[in-house]
C-alpha atoms as a PDB file:
ATOM      1  CA  MET A   1     -23.687 -57.241  22.445  1.00  0.00           C
ATOM      2  CA  ILE A   2     -25.271 -53.915  23.247  1.00  0.00           C
ATOM      3  CA  ARG A   3     -23.905 -50.924  20.855  1.00  0.00           C
ATOM      4  CA  ASP A   4     -23.657 -47.390  21.504  1.00  0.00           C
ATOM      5  CA  ALA A   5     -24.664 -44.689  18.939  1.00  0.00           C
ATOM      6  CA  GLY A   6     -21.659 -44.883  17.293  1.00  0.00           C
ATOM      7  CA  ALA A   7     -21.762 -48.520  16.554  1.00  0.00           C
ATOM      8  CA  ARG A   8     -25.118 -49.725  16.163  1.00  0.00           C
ATOM      9  CA  SER A   9     -26.105 -53.330  15.423  1.00  0.00           C
ATOM     10  CA  THR A  10     -29.381 -55.112  14.426  1.00  0.00           C
ATOM     11  CA  CYS A  11     -28.339 -58.381  15.187  1.00  0.00           C
ATOM     12  CA  ALA A  12     -30.984 -60.705  17.097  1.00  0.00           C
ATOM     13  CA  LEU A  13     -30.092 -61.203  21.025  1.00  0.00           C
ATOM     14  CA  PRO A  14     -31.302 -64.277  22.934  1.00  0.00           C
ATOM     15  CA  GLY A  15     -34.393 -62.920  25.333  1.00  0.00           C
ATOM     16  CA  ALA A  16     -32.932 -63.648  28.414  1.00  0.00           C
ATOM     17  CA  ILE A  17     -29.416 -62.081  27.551  1.00  0.00           C
ATOM     18  CA  ALA A  18     -31.154 -58.924  26.325  1.00  0.00           C
ATOM     19  CA  LEU A  19     -33.351 -58.549  29.574  1.00  0.00           C
ATOM     20  CA  LYS A  20     -30.215 -59.042  31.673  1.00  0.00           C
ATOM     21  CA  MET A  21     -28.291 -56.580  29.970  1.00  0.00           C
ATOM     22  CA  ALA A  22     -31.396 -54.151  29.764  1.00  0.00           C
ATOM     23  CA  LEU A  23     -31.716 -54.042  33.739  1.00  0.00           C
ATOM     24  CA  ALA A  24     -28.455 -52.005  33.808  1.00  0.00           C
ATOM     25  CA  VAL A  25     -27.885 -51.180  37.401  1.00  0.00           C
ATOM     26  CA  LEU A  26     -27.978 -47.367  38.469  1.00  0.00           C
ATOM     27  CA  PRO A  27     -25.509 -47.202  41.218  1.00  0.00           C
ATOM     28  CA  LEU A  28     -22.665 -47.430  39.361  1.00  0.00           C
ATOM     29  CA  ARG A  29     -23.297 -43.993  38.410  1.00  0.00           C
ATOM     30  CA  ALA A  30     -22.393 -42.778  41.888  1.00  0.00           C
ATOM     31  CA  LEU A  31     -22.391 -39.070  42.685  1.00  0.00           C
ATOM     32  CA  ALA A  32     -19.072 -37.203  43.360  1.00  0.00           C
ATOM     33  CA  GLY A  33     -19.160 -33.535  44.457  1.00  0.00           C
ATOM     34  CA  PRO A  34     -22.763 -32.258  44.105  1.00  0.00           C
ATOM     35  CA  PRO A  35     -23.962 -31.316  41.923  1.00  0.00           C
ATOM     36  CA  PHE A  36     -20.892 -32.145  39.782  1.00  0.00           C
ATOM     37  CA  GLN A  37     -19.349 -35.657  39.023  1.00  0.00           C
ATOM     38  CA  THR A  38     -15.990 -34.384  39.827  1.00  0.00           C
ATOM     39  CA  ASP A  39     -15.036 -34.127  43.545  1.00  0.00           C
ATOM     40  CA  ASP A  40     -12.889 -32.084  45.909  1.00  0.00           C
ATOM     41  CA  PRO A  41     -10.527 -32.891  48.432  1.00  0.00           C
ATOM     42  CA  GLU A  42     -11.922 -30.604  51.263  1.00  0.00           C
ATOM     43  CA  PRO A  43     -13.931 -32.431  54.197  1.00  0.00           C
ATOM     44  CA  VAL A  44     -16.506 -30.766  55.973  1.00  0.00           C
ATOM     45  CA  GLU A  45     -15.253 -28.657  58.857  1.00  0.00           C
ATOM     46  CA  LEU A  46     -14.876 -30.248  62.180  1.00  0.00           C
ATOM     47  CA  GLY A  47     -18.207 -30.248  64.213  1.00  0.00           C
ATOM     48  CA  HIS A  48     -20.201 -29.309  61.026  1.00  0.00           C
ATOM     49  CA  TYR A  49     -22.762 -31.071  58.941  1.00  0.00           C
ATOM     50  CA  GLU A  50     -24.030 -31.346  55.250  1.00  0.00           C
ATOM     51  CA  PHE A  51     -27.447 -32.523  54.333  1.00  0.00           C
ATOM     52  CA  TYR A  52     -28.612 -32.899  50.631  1.00  0.00           C
ATOM     53  CA  VAL A  53     -31.950 -34.161  49.379  1.00  0.00           C
ATOM     54  CA  PHE A  54     -31.970 -34.494  45.393  1.00  0.00           C
ATOM     55  CA  SER A  55     -32.590 -36.264  42.403  1.00  0.00           C
ATOM     56  CA  SER A  56     -30.356 -37.090  39.485  1.00  0.00           C
ATOM     57  CA  SER A  57     -30.471 -38.764  35.936  1.00  0.00           C
ATOM     58  CA  ASP A  58     -27.891 -40.672  33.835  1.00  0.00           C
ATOM     59  CA  GLY A  59     -28.763 -41.953  30.462  1.00  0.00           C
ATOM     60  CA  THR A  60     -27.291 -43.422  27.187  1.00  0.00           C
ATOM     61  CA  PRO A  61     -29.241 -44.734  24.106  1.00  0.00           C
ATOM     62  CA  VAL A  62     -29.448 -47.982  26.073  1.00  0.00           C
ATOM     63  CA  GLU A  63     -31.211 -46.780  29.129  1.00  0.00           C
ATOM     64  CA  THR A  64     -32.042 -43.958  31.395  1.00  0.00           C
ATOM     65  CA  ASP A  65     -31.123 -44.385  35.343  1.00  0.00           C
ATOM     66  CA  THR A  66     -32.401 -41.944  38.172  1.00  0.00           C
ATOM     67  CA  MET A  67     -31.987 -41.403  41.773  1.00  0.00           C
ATOM     68  CA  GLY A  68     -34.423 -39.812  43.725  1.00  0.00           C
ATOM     69  CA  PRO A  69     -35.700 -39.128  46.348  1.00  0.00           C
ATOM     70  CA  ALA A  70     -32.150 -39.366  47.550  1.00  0.00           C
ATOM     71  CA  PHE A  71     -30.422 -38.176  50.694  1.00  0.00           C
ATOM     72  CA  GLU A  72     -26.679 -37.448  51.256  1.00  0.00           C
ATOM     73  CA  PHE A  73     -25.341 -36.708  54.795  1.00  0.00           C
ATOM     74  CA  ASN A  74     -21.810 -35.583  55.700  1.00  0.00           C
ATOM     75  CA  TRP A  75     -20.143 -35.118  59.116  1.00  0.00           C
ATOM     76  CA  GLY A  76     -16.907 -33.412  60.254  1.00  0.00           C
ATOM     77  CA  ALA A  77     -16.085 -35.952  62.469  1.00  0.00           C
ATOM     78  CA  PHE A  78     -12.414 -35.412  63.009  1.00  0.00           C
ATOM     79  CA  PRO A  79      -9.931 -33.024  61.918  1.00  0.00           C
ATOM     80  CA  ASN A  80      -9.255 -33.096  58.303  1.00  0.00           C
ATOM     81  CA  THR A  81     -11.918 -36.003  58.321  1.00  0.00           C
ATOM     82  CA  GLN A  82     -15.285 -36.186  56.774  1.00  0.00           C
ATOM     83  CA  LEU A  83     -17.764 -39.322  57.216  1.00  0.00           C
ATOM     84  CA  HIS A  84     -20.230 -39.742  54.253  1.00  0.00           C
ATOM     85  CA  ALA A  85     -23.369 -41.590  53.509  1.00  0.00           C
ATOM     86  CA  ILE A  86     -26.122 -41.705  50.714  1.00  0.00           C
ATOM     87  CA  ALA A  87     -29.372 -43.673  50.821  1.00  0.00           C
ATOM     88  CA  SER A  88     -31.619 -43.486  47.538  1.00  0.00           C
ATOM     89  CA  PHE A  89     -34.442 -44.674  45.696  1.00  0.00           C
ATOM     90  CA  GLY A  90     -33.983 -45.143  41.913  1.00  0.00           C
ATOM     91  CA  ALA A  91     -35.494 -46.342  38.709  1.00  0.00           C
ATOM     92  CA  ALA A  92     -33.765 -48.087  35.657  1.00  0.00           C
ATOM     93  CA  ILE A  93     -35.706 -47.081  32.583  1.00  0.00           C
ATOM     94  CA  PRO A  94     -34.553 -49.056  29.481  1.00  0.00           C
ATOM     95  CA  SER A  95     -35.037 -47.112  25.969  1.00  0.00           C
ATOM     96  CA  ASN A  96     -37.103 -50.159  24.446  1.00  0.00           C
ATOM     97  CA  ASP A  97     -35.451 -49.025  21.030  1.00  0.00           C
ATOM     98  CA  PRO A  98     -35.047 -52.322  18.949  1.00  0.00           C
ATOM     99  CA  THR A  99     -31.845 -50.655  17.299  1.00  0.00           C
ATOM    100  CA  TYR A 100     -30.052 -51.145  20.666  1.00  0.00           C
ATOM    101  CA  LEU A 101     -32.091 -53.963  22.133  1.00  0.00           C
ATOM    102  CA  PRO A 102     -33.456 -55.870  19.185  1.00  0.00           C
ATOM    103  CA  ALA A 103     -34.705 -58.708  21.445  1.00  0.00           C
ATOM    104  CA  GLY A 104     -36.676 -56.658  23.617  1.00  0.00           C
ATOM    105  CA  ALA A 105     -35.932 -54.625  26.995  1.00  0.00           C
ATOM    106  CA  GLY A 106     -37.061 -55.477  30.376  1.00  0.00           C
ATOM    107  CA  PRO A 107     -39.571 -53.411  32.289  1.00  0.00           C
ATOM    108  CA  THR A 108     -39.048 -50.026  33.886  1.00  0.00           C
ATOM    109  CA  THR A 109     -37.969 -50.939  37.898  1.00  0.00           C
ATOM    110  CA  TYR A 110     -38.018 -48.715  40.759  1.00  0.00           C
ATOM    111  CA  GLY A 111     -36.985 -49.174  44.309  1.00  0.00           C
ATOM    112  CA  LEU A 112     -34.174 -48.758  47.115  1.00  0.00           C
ATOM    113  CA  VAL A 113     -30.561 -48.830  45.282  1.00  0.00           C
ATOM    114  CA  ASP A 114     -27.106 -49.643  46.796  1.00  0.00           C
ATOM    115  CA  THR A 115     -26.123 -47.704  49.668  1.00  0.00           C
ATOM    116  CA  GLU A 116     -22.929 -45.451  49.590  1.00  0.00           C
ATOM    117  CA  LEU A 117     -20.512 -44.860  52.540  1.00  0.00           C
ATOM    118  CA  GLY A 118     -17.247 -43.216  52.279  1.00  0.00           C
ATOM    119  CA  VAL A 119     -14.469 -41.472  54.354  1.00  0.00           C
ATOM    120  CA  LYS A 120     -12.821 -38.046  53.007  1.00  0.00           C
ATOM    121  CA  TYR A 121      -9.352 -37.513  54.331  1.00  0.00           C
ATOM    122  CA  ARG A 122      -7.276 -34.464  53.474  1.00  0.00           C
ATOM    123  CA  PHE A 123      -3.688 -35.349  54.059  1.00  0.00           C
ATOM    124  CA  ILE A 124      -2.157 -31.976  52.315  1.00  0.00           C
ATOM    125  CA  SER A 125      -3.773 -28.571  53.517  1.00  0.00           C
ATOM    126  CA  GLN A 126      -3.794 -25.689  51.098  1.00  0.00           C
ATOM    127  CA  THR A 127      -1.477 -22.717  51.355  1.00  0.00           C
ATOM    128  CA  ASP A 128      -0.884 -19.655  49.282  1.00  0.00           C
ATOM    129  CA  ASN A 129       1.640 -21.615  47.136  1.00  0.00           C
ATOM    130  CA  ARG A 130       0.367 -25.031  47.650  1.00  0.00           C
ATOM    131  CA  PRO A 131      -2.731 -27.150  46.667  1.00  0.00           C
ATOM    132  CA  GLU A 132      -4.626 -29.223  49.212  1.00  0.00           C
ATOM    133  CA  VAL A 133      -4.615 -32.932  48.463  1.00  0.00           C
ATOM    134  CA  GLY A 134      -7.006 -35.601  49.705  1.00  0.00           C
ATOM    135  CA  THR A 135      -8.497 -38.926  49.087  1.00  0.00           C
ATOM    136  CA  PHE A 136     -12.437 -40.220  49.429  1.00  0.00           C
ATOM    137  CA  PRO A 137     -12.693 -44.153  49.175  1.00  0.00           C
ATOM    138  CA  MET A 138     -15.875 -45.209  49.100  1.00  0.00           C
ATOM    139  CA  ILE A 139     -17.985 -48.546  49.659  1.00  0.00           C
ATOM    140  CA  GLU A 140     -21.140 -49.481  48.091  1.00  0.00           C
ATOM    141  CA  LEU A 141     -23.394 -51.732  50.002  1.00  0.00           C
ATOM    142  CA  PRO A 142     -25.679 -54.127  47.889  1.00  0.00           C
ATOM    143  CA  THR A 143     -28.978 -52.997  49.406  1.00  0.00           C
ATOM    144  CA  GLY A 144     -30.550 -52.856  46.150  1.00  0.00           C
ATOM    145  CA  SER A 145     -32.437 -55.490  44.153  1.00  0.00           C
ATOM    146  CA  TYR A 146     -29.785 -57.232  41.832  1.00  0.00           C
ATOM    147  CA  SER A 147     -32.506 -58.944  39.846  1.00  0.00           C
ATOM    148  CA  ARG A 148     -34.418 -55.971  39.237  1.00  0.00           C
ATOM    149  CA  GLY A 149     -31.677 -54.107  37.983  1.00  0.00           C
ATOM    150  CA  LEU A 150     -31.467 -51.880  40.953  1.00  0.00           C
ATOM    151  CA  GLY A 151     -28.204 -53.026  42.466  1.00  0.00           C
ATOM    152  CA  VAL A 152     -24.989 -54.780  41.682  1.00  0.00           C
ATOM    153  CA  GLY A 153     -25.560 -57.624  43.901  1.00  0.00           C
ATOM    154  CA  LYS A 154     -21.863 -57.468  45.544  1.00  0.00           C
ATOM    155  CA  THR A 155     -20.014 -54.714  47.609  1.00  0.00           C
ATOM    156  CA  TRP A 156     -17.943 -52.654  45.252  1.00  0.00           C
ATOM    157  CA  TYR A 157     -15.377 -49.647  45.705  1.00  0.00           C
ATOM    158  CA  LYS A 158     -14.330 -46.208  44.534  1.00  0.00           C
ATOM    159  CA  LEU A 159     -10.419 -45.311  45.106  1.00  0.00           C
ATOM    160  CA  PRO A 160      -9.870 -41.601  44.074  1.00  0.00           C
ATOM    161  CA  ILE A 161      -7.125 -38.757  44.718  1.00  0.00           C
ATOM    162  CA  TRP A 162      -8.419 -35.122  44.456  1.00  0.00           C
ATOM    163  CA  ILE A 163      -6.592 -31.856  44.555  1.00  0.00           C
ATOM    164  CA  GLN A 164      -8.061 -28.281  44.960  1.00  0.00           C
ATOM    165  CA  LYS A 165      -6.729 -24.532  44.879  1.00  0.00           C
ATOM    166  CA  ASP A 166      -8.613 -21.605  45.668  1.00  0.00           C
ATOM    167  CA  SER A 167      -8.104 -18.002  44.370  1.00  0.00           C
ATOM    168  CA  ASP A 168     -10.841 -15.816  45.100  1.00  0.00           C
ATOM    169  CA  PRO A 169     -13.444 -15.680  43.351  1.00  0.00           C
ATOM    170  CA  TRP A 170     -11.907 -18.948  41.310  1.00  0.00           C
ATOM    171  CA  THR A 171     -11.829 -22.492  42.677  1.00  0.00           C
ATOM    172  CA  THR A 172     -10.442 -25.309  40.716  1.00  0.00           C
ATOM    173  CA  TYR A 173     -10.150 -28.891  41.585  1.00  0.00           C
ATOM    174  CA  GLY A 174      -9.893 -32.352  40.129  1.00  0.00           C
ATOM    175  CA  GLY A 175      -8.340 -35.886  40.044  1.00  0.00           C
ATOM    176  CA  ALA A 176      -8.701 -39.421  39.242  1.00  0.00           C
ATOM    177  CA  GLY A 177      -9.612 -42.791  40.709  1.00  0.00           C
ATOM    178  CA  TYR A 178     -10.365 -46.513  39.717  1.00  0.00           C
ATOM    179  CA  GLN A 179     -13.635 -48.129  40.446  1.00  0.00           C
ATOM    180  CA  LEU A 180     -13.389 -51.728  41.539  1.00  0.00           C
ATOM    181  CA  VAL A 181     -16.605 -53.816  40.756  1.00  0.00           C
ATOM    182  CA  HIS A 182     -16.404 -57.899  40.881  1.00  0.00           C
ATOM    183  CA  GLN A 183     -19.532 -59.251  39.337  1.00  0.00           C
ATOM    184  CA  ALA A 184     -20.640 -60.825  36.171  1.00  0.00           C
ATOM    185  CA  ASP A 185     -20.816 -58.586  33.083  1.00  0.00           C
ATOM    186  CA  TYR A 186     -19.218 -55.656  35.010  1.00  0.00           C
ATOM    187  CA  LYS A 187     -15.780 -54.008  34.527  1.00  0.00           C
ATOM    188  CA  SER A 188     -13.688 -52.101  36.923  1.00  0.00           C
ATOM    189  CA  PHE A 189     -12.594 -49.028  35.160  1.00  0.00           C
ATOM    190  CA  PRO A 190     -10.854 -45.604  35.563  1.00  0.00           C
ATOM    191  CA  TYR A 191     -12.575 -42.152  35.875  1.00  0.00           C
ATOM    192  CA  ALA A 192     -11.286 -38.531  35.870  1.00  0.00           C
ATOM    193  CA  GLY A 193     -12.437 -35.144  36.098  1.00  0.00           C
ATOM    194  CA  TRP A 194     -11.563 -31.510  36.240  1.00  0.00           C
ATOM    195  CA  LEU A 195     -13.618 -28.333  37.345  1.00  0.00           C
ATOM    196  CA  LEU A 196     -13.259 -24.603  37.202  1.00  0.00           C
ATOM    197  CA  GLN A 197     -15.948 -22.367  39.022  1.00  0.00           C
ATOM    198  CA  ARG A 198     -16.512 -18.919  39.831  1.00  0.00           C
ATOM    199  CA  ASP A 199     -18.321 -16.715  42.595  1.00  0.00           C
ATOM    200  CA  ILE A 200     -20.627 -14.391  40.905  1.00  0.00           C
ATOM    201  CA  GLY A 201     -21.814 -11.990  43.338  1.00  0.00           C
ATOM    202  CA  ASP A 202     -23.502 -12.985  46.473  1.00  0.00           C
ATOM    203  CA  LYS A 203     -26.094 -15.166  45.041  1.00  0.00           C
ATOM    204  CA  TRP A 204     -24.354 -17.384  42.608  1.00  0.00           C
ATOM    205  CA  THR A 205     -21.416 -19.681  42.026  1.00  0.00           C
ATOM    206  CA  LEU A 206     -21.193 -21.271  38.523  1.00  0.00           C
ATOM    207  CA  GLY A 207     -18.739 -23.755  36.844  1.00  0.00           C
ATOM    208  CA  GLY A 208     -18.013 -26.267  34.244  1.00  0.00           C
ATOM    209  CA  GLU A 209     -16.126 -29.667  34.427  1.00  0.00           C
ATOM    210  CA  ILE A 210     -14.720 -32.196  31.993  1.00  0.00           C
ATOM    211  CA  TRP A 211     -15.567 -35.770  33.146  1.00  0.00           C
ATOM    212  CA  TYR A 212     -14.195 -39.091  31.865  1.00  0.00           C
ATOM    213  CA  HIS A 213     -15.075 -42.554  32.617  1.00  0.00           C
ATOM    214  CA  GLY A 214     -14.031 -45.764  30.977  1.00  0.00           C
ATOM    215  CA  PRO A 215     -16.552 -48.602  29.748  1.00  0.00           C
ATOM    216  CA  GLU A 216     -18.409 -49.847  32.820  1.00  0.00           C
ATOM    217  CA  GLY A 217     -19.616 -53.450  31.380  1.00  0.00           C
ATOM    218  CA  LEU A 218     -22.417 -55.157  29.610  1.00  0.00           C
ATOM    219  CA  ALA A 219     -24.760 -55.099  32.401  1.00  0.00           C
ATOM    220  CA  THR A 220     -24.737 -51.185  32.436  1.00  0.00           C
ATOM    221  CA  PRO A 221     -25.806 -48.604  30.025  1.00  0.00           C
ATOM    222  CA  GLN A 222     -22.365 -47.203  29.699  1.00  0.00           C
ATOM    223  CA  THR A 223     -20.693 -49.713  27.746  1.00  0.00           C
ATOM    224  CA  HIS A 224     -18.267 -47.447  26.155  1.00  0.00           C
ATOM    225  CA  SER A 225     -15.971 -44.688  27.569  1.00  0.00           C
ATOM    226  CA  ALA A 226     -17.248 -41.365  27.337  1.00  0.00           C
ATOM    227  CA  THR A 227     -15.828 -37.771  27.949  1.00  0.00           C
ATOM    228  CA  MET A 228     -18.668 -35.270  28.951  1.00  0.00           C
ATOM    229  CA  PHE A 229     -18.806 -31.558  29.660  1.00  0.00           C
ATOM    230  CA  ASP A 230     -21.075 -30.576  32.377  1.00  0.00           C
ATOM    231  CA  PHE A 231     -22.066 -26.967  33.371  1.00  0.00           C
ATOM    232  CA  GLY A 232     -23.754 -26.142  36.721  1.00  0.00           C
ATOM    233  CA  GLY A 233     -23.639 -24.416  40.023  1.00  0.00           C
ATOM    234  CA  TYR A 234     -25.086 -23.099  43.220  1.00  0.00           C
ATOM    235  CA  TYR A 235     -28.103 -20.624  44.106  1.00  0.00           C
ATOM    236  CA  TYR A 236     -27.937 -19.068  47.657  1.00  0.00           C
ATOM    237  CA  PHE A 237     -31.081 -18.823  49.405  1.00  0.00           C
ATOM    238  CA  SER A 238     -28.799 -17.943  52.467  1.00  0.00           C
ATOM    239  CA  LYS A 239     -24.962 -18.131  51.947  1.00  0.00           C
ATOM    240  CA  PRO A 240     -23.717 -20.798  52.777  1.00  0.00           C
ATOM    241  CA  ALA A 241     -26.475 -22.423  54.999  1.00  0.00           C
ATOM    242  CA  PHE A 242     -29.160 -23.236  52.484  1.00  0.00           C
ATOM    243  CA  GLN A 243     -28.617 -23.639  48.561  1.00  0.00           C
ATOM    244  CA  LEU A 244     -30.145 -24.894  45.458  1.00  0.00           C
ATOM    245  CA  LEU A 245     -27.673 -27.112  43.310  1.00  0.00           C
ATOM    246  CA  PHE A 246     -27.888 -27.851  39.557  1.00  0.00           C
ATOM    247  CA  CYS A 247     -26.022 -29.409  36.955  1.00  0.00           C
ATOM    248  CA  LEU A 248     -26.440 -30.620  33.218  1.00  0.00           C
ATOM    249  CA  GLY A 249     -24.010 -32.281  30.887  1.00  0.00           C
ATOM    250  CA  ARG A 250     -23.437 -34.312  27.521  1.00  0.00           C
ATOM    251  CA  THR A 251     -21.002 -36.448  25.875  1.00  0.00           C
ATOM    252  CA  VAL A 252     -18.553 -34.372  23.946  1.00  0.00           C
ATOM    253  CA  VAL A 253     -16.342 -37.516  22.844  1.00  0.00           C
ATOM    254  CA  GLY A 254     -17.461 -41.169  23.118  1.00  0.00           C
ATOM    255  CA  GLN A 255     -20.609 -42.940  24.051  1.00  0.00           C
ATOM    256  CA  SER A 256     -23.729 -40.583  23.940  1.00  0.00           C
ATOM    257  CA  GLU A 257     -24.590 -39.989  27.500  1.00  0.00           C
ATOM    258  CA  THR A 258     -26.692 -37.180  29.493  1.00  0.00           C
ATOM    259  CA  TYR A 259     -26.072 -36.327  33.044  1.00  0.00           C
ATOM    260  CA  ALA A 260     -28.493 -34.217  35.111  1.00  0.00           C
ATOM    261  CA  TYR A 261     -28.632 -33.404  38.949  1.00  0.00           C
ATOM    262  CA  LEU A 262     -31.100 -31.046  40.971  1.00  0.00           C
ATOM    263  CA  GLY A 263     -31.010 -30.710  44.706  1.00  0.00           C
ATOM    264  CA  LEU A 264     -31.315 -28.684  47.999  1.00  0.00           C
ATOM    265  CA  TYR A 265     -28.585 -28.304  50.538  1.00  0.00           C
ATOM    266  CA  TRP A 266     -28.095 -27.511  53.985  1.00  0.00           C
ATOM    267  CA  THR A 267     -25.168 -26.920  56.409  1.00  0.00           C
ATOM    268  CA  TRP A 268     -24.952 -26.191  60.077  1.00  0.00           C
ATOM    269  CA  GLY A 269     -22.769 -26.954  63.068  1.00  0.00           C
ATOM    270  CA  LYS A 270     -20.573 -26.026  66.220  1.00  0.00           C
ATOM    271  CA  ASP A 271     -17.060 -24.474  66.619  1.00  0.00           C
ATOM    272  CA  LYS A 272     -15.998 -27.211  69.101  1.00  0.00           C
ATOM    273  CA  ASP A 273     -13.154 -25.136  70.404  1.00  0.00           C
ATOM    274  CA  LYS A 274     -15.703 -22.383  71.139  1.00  0.00           C
ATOM    275  CA  ASN A 275     -18.400 -24.760  72.183  1.00  0.00           C
ATOM    276  CA  GLU A 276     -21.155 -22.396  70.371  1.00  0.00           C
ATOM    277  CA  SER A 277     -22.909 -22.434  67.303  1.00  0.00           C
ATOM    278  CA  ALA A 278     -21.393 -20.919  64.378  1.00  0.00           C
ATOM    279  CA  PRO A 279     -23.364 -18.127  62.681  1.00  0.00           C
ATOM    280  CA  ALA A 280     -24.845 -18.817  59.472  1.00  0.00           C
ATOM    281  CA  ASP A 281     -22.621 -16.468  57.438  1.00  0.00           C
ATOM    282  CA  LYS A 282     -19.662 -18.299  59.126  1.00  0.00           C
ATOM    283  CA  VAL A 283     -20.512 -21.905  58.470  1.00  0.00           C
ATOM    284  CA  ALA A 284     -18.151 -23.690  56.190  1.00  0.00           C
ATOM    285  CA  TRP A 285     -19.195 -25.196  53.334  1.00  0.00           C
ATOM    286  CA  SER A 286     -17.695 -27.701  50.657  1.00  0.00           C
ATOM    287  CA  MET A 287     -16.015 -25.329  48.114  1.00  0.00           C
ATOM    288  CA  SER A 288     -14.277 -21.986  48.302  1.00  0.00           C
ATOM    289  CA  ALA A 289     -16.184 -20.372  51.133  1.00  0.00           C
ATOM    290  CA  ARG A 290     -14.546 -22.728  53.572  1.00  0.00           C
ATOM    291  CA  ALA A 291     -11.284 -21.625  54.912  1.00  0.00           C
ATOM    292  CA  PRO A 292      -8.442 -23.966  54.843  1.00  0.00           C
ATOM    293  CA  THR A 293      -7.879 -26.193  58.168  1.00  0.00           C
ATOM    294  CA  GLN A 294      -4.396 -26.442  59.547  1.00  0.00           C
ATOM    295  CA  PRO A 295      -3.329 -29.898  60.015  1.00  0.00           C
END
């Protein structure tokens, strides 16, 4: 079996098994709250929209998986409810290191990966004395090629709970969930994270997160659990309507893993009760600049 950096093996593997394991499927590293892996419970404000263009990378000594170009769209369709979609191309890049794949790795592959759809729903709103709480279930449709290592080959799911509290200029949020994958050589596994971030002047928000995931199965690079520390944030070209998002992280406990994200973000919309466009400096966004919506 494939080993991580803490448990290397030099035993020979049959070529067919090695190839199958080398084509580890990218979409299991689905994104959470860009640019971080932890998500928040706060939906897009009613009548508003978010759009991201991004690329990302997640790698272990076995393989590096990338996404890009990738496109995310969020819509505040109902009160306290956000509709969500990600469509992306991606690559699976085996390390070709005989320490991990002594029988030889498969070739690098690139193409359309699985498509993500989700609904974020906030069921407890934030007050001065109470955090907001929500859920963000997602379904991953098998639009990527399973035989080329770019898709799971079956529909899979993510079921989380997220909590957030704002105290200007600080924001903290996090939670936990479970990923359900019913496919050979994959595992269903838990994940959890927590983030703390701070606004710095008018142009920057910076933060750090602790992110954990369980072992994801032999058909993925993440064959063992890992706890990571990621650092990133936002640069505002126009706050909050146009932003640069970035993040970089590494394992602190567990299997060696590196995560990176770089993207651009736009937000816009109308206040439906006023039937007029909201000014750019009043458009709510996905973090502490958005005012809580009362149920």
